[in-house]
N, C-alpha and C. Protein backbone atom coordinates (compact mmCIF):
# COMPACT_ATOMS: atom_id res chain seq x y z
N UNK A 1 222.19 71.45 100.03
CA UNK A 1 221.04 71.77 99.22
C UNK A 1 221.50 72.00 97.77
N UNK A 2 220.85 71.38 96.84
CA UNK A 2 221.22 71.46 95.44
C UNK A 2 220.43 72.58 94.75
N UNK A 3 221.13 73.39 93.97
CA UNK A 3 220.48 74.48 93.25
C UNK A 3 219.86 73.95 91.96
N UNK A 4 218.73 74.52 91.60
CA UNK A 4 218.13 74.22 90.31
C UNK A 4 218.81 75.07 89.25
N UNK A 5 219.04 74.46 88.11
CA UNK A 5 219.67 75.19 87.01
C UNK A 5 218.62 75.56 85.98
N UNK A 6 218.63 76.81 85.59
CA UNK A 6 217.72 77.25 84.54
C UNK A 6 218.51 77.42 83.25
N UNK A 7 217.82 77.32 82.16
CA UNK A 7 218.47 77.43 80.87
C UNK A 7 218.43 78.88 80.37
N UNK A 8 219.44 79.22 79.63
CA UNK A 8 219.49 80.52 78.99
C UNK A 8 219.96 80.29 77.55
N UNK A 9 219.32 80.96 76.62
CA UNK A 9 219.62 80.76 75.21
C UNK A 9 220.27 82.03 74.66
N UNK A 10 221.35 81.83 73.88
CA UNK A 10 222.07 82.92 73.24
C UNK A 10 222.06 82.72 71.74
N UNK A 11 221.91 83.82 71.02
CA UNK A 11 222.10 83.81 69.57
C UNK A 11 223.21 84.80 69.28
N UNK A 12 224.27 84.31 68.64
CA UNK A 12 225.42 85.15 68.34
C UNK A 12 225.47 85.36 66.83
N UNK A 13 225.51 86.62 66.44
CA UNK A 13 225.61 86.99 65.03
C UNK A 13 226.94 87.71 64.82
N UNK A 14 227.88 87.05 64.13
CA UNK A 14 229.16 87.67 63.82
C UNK A 14 228.96 88.48 62.54
N UNK A 15 229.10 89.78 62.65
CA UNK A 15 228.85 90.66 61.52
C UNK A 15 230.12 91.10 60.81
N UNK A 16 231.25 91.05 61.51
CA UNK A 16 232.49 91.52 60.91
C UNK A 16 233.67 90.86 61.62
N UNK A 17 234.79 90.88 60.97
CA UNK A 17 236.04 90.36 61.53
C UNK A 17 237.14 91.37 61.20
N UNK A 18 237.56 92.12 62.22
CA UNK A 18 238.60 93.13 62.03
C UNK A 18 239.63 93.01 63.14
N UNK A 19 240.85 93.33 62.82
CA UNK A 19 241.93 93.32 63.81
C UNK A 19 242.00 91.98 64.54
N UNK A 20 241.77 90.91 63.80
CA UNK A 20 241.86 89.54 64.33
C UNK A 20 240.84 89.23 65.43
N UNK A 21 239.70 89.90 65.41
CA UNK A 21 238.66 89.62 66.40
C UNK A 21 237.28 89.85 65.79
N UNK A 22 236.27 89.32 66.45
CA UNK A 22 234.89 89.39 65.96
C UNK A 22 234.18 90.64 66.46
N UNK A 23 233.25 91.13 65.64
CA UNK A 23 232.30 92.15 66.06
C UNK A 23 230.92 91.67 65.64
N UNK A 24 229.93 91.95 66.48
CA UNK A 24 228.58 91.52 66.14
C UNK A 24 227.58 91.79 67.24
N UNK A 25 226.54 90.94 67.27
CA UNK A 25 225.45 91.11 68.23
C UNK A 25 225.14 89.80 68.93
N UNK A 26 224.84 89.92 70.21
CA UNK A 26 224.42 88.81 71.04
C UNK A 26 222.97 89.06 71.41
N UNK A 27 222.09 88.11 71.11
CA UNK A 27 220.68 88.25 71.45
C UNK A 27 220.32 87.22 72.50
N UNK A 28 219.69 87.69 73.57
CA UNK A 28 219.23 86.79 74.63
C UNK A 28 218.07 87.43 75.36
N UNK A 29 217.06 86.66 75.64
CA UNK A 29 215.89 87.09 76.41
C UNK A 29 215.31 88.41 75.90
N UNK A 30 215.25 88.57 74.59
CA UNK A 30 214.66 89.77 74.00
C UNK A 30 215.57 90.98 73.98
N UNK A 31 216.80 90.84 74.43
CA UNK A 31 217.74 91.95 74.42
C UNK A 31 218.80 91.71 73.35
N UNK A 32 219.25 92.79 72.74
CA UNK A 32 220.33 92.73 71.76
C UNK A 32 221.52 93.50 72.34
N UNK A 33 222.65 92.82 72.45
CA UNK A 33 223.85 93.43 73.02
C UNK A 33 224.94 93.39 71.95
N UNK A 34 225.47 94.54 71.60
CA UNK A 34 226.55 94.60 70.61
C UNK A 34 227.88 94.36 71.31
N UNK A 35 228.79 93.69 70.60
CA UNK A 35 230.13 93.47 71.14
C UNK A 35 231.15 93.84 70.06
N UNK A 36 232.33 94.27 70.52
CA UNK A 36 233.37 94.73 69.61
C UNK A 36 234.58 93.82 69.59
N UNK A 37 234.58 92.76 70.41
CA UNK A 37 235.68 91.80 70.40
C UNK A 37 235.18 90.47 70.92
N UNK A 38 235.92 89.41 70.60
CA UNK A 38 235.52 88.10 71.10
C UNK A 38 235.65 88.04 72.63
N UNK A 39 236.61 88.75 73.19
CA UNK A 39 236.74 88.80 74.65
C UNK A 39 235.54 89.48 75.28
N UNK A 40 235.08 90.57 74.69
CA UNK A 40 233.89 91.26 75.19
C UNK A 40 232.66 90.35 75.11
N UNK A 41 232.55 89.57 74.04
CA UNK A 41 231.46 88.61 73.90
C UNK A 41 231.49 87.59 75.03
N UNK A 42 232.66 86.99 75.29
CA UNK A 42 232.77 85.98 76.34
C UNK A 42 232.51 86.56 77.73
N UNK A 43 233.01 87.76 77.98
CA UNK A 43 232.77 88.39 79.28
C UNK A 43 231.28 88.71 79.48
N UNK A 44 230.61 89.12 78.42
CA UNK A 44 229.18 89.41 78.49
C UNK A 44 228.39 88.14 78.78
N UNK A 45 228.71 87.06 78.10
CA UNK A 45 228.03 85.78 78.34
C UNK A 45 228.28 85.33 79.77
N UNK A 46 229.52 85.44 80.24
CA UNK A 46 229.85 85.04 81.62
C UNK A 46 229.04 85.85 82.62
N UNK A 47 228.93 87.15 82.40
CA UNK A 47 228.17 88.01 83.31
C UNK A 47 226.68 87.62 83.33
N UNK A 48 226.11 87.37 82.14
CA UNK A 48 224.71 86.99 82.07
C UNK A 48 224.43 85.65 82.75
N UNK A 49 225.32 84.70 82.56
CA UNK A 49 225.15 83.38 83.18
C UNK A 49 225.33 83.48 84.70
N UNK A 50 226.33 84.23 85.13
CA UNK A 50 226.60 84.38 86.58
C UNK A 50 225.43 85.04 87.30
N UNK A 51 224.78 86.00 86.67
CA UNK A 51 223.65 86.69 87.29
C UNK A 51 222.43 85.80 87.43
N UNK A 52 222.34 84.73 86.64
CA UNK A 52 221.19 83.83 86.70
C UNK A 52 221.34 82.76 87.76
N UNK A 53 222.54 82.57 88.28
CA UNK A 53 222.78 81.50 89.27
C UNK A 53 222.49 81.97 90.67
């Protein structure tokens, strides 16, 4: 059985660059999530995508 894939849209706003990493806000589905590193951003996106599958 094949799963249907739904789309999810992200808006990433990089507000600062300190200690060789990004800080900013991720907006998706009406929520704003702040992140303090590029790794935190990627882990947050992975979590959001995984929960939708």
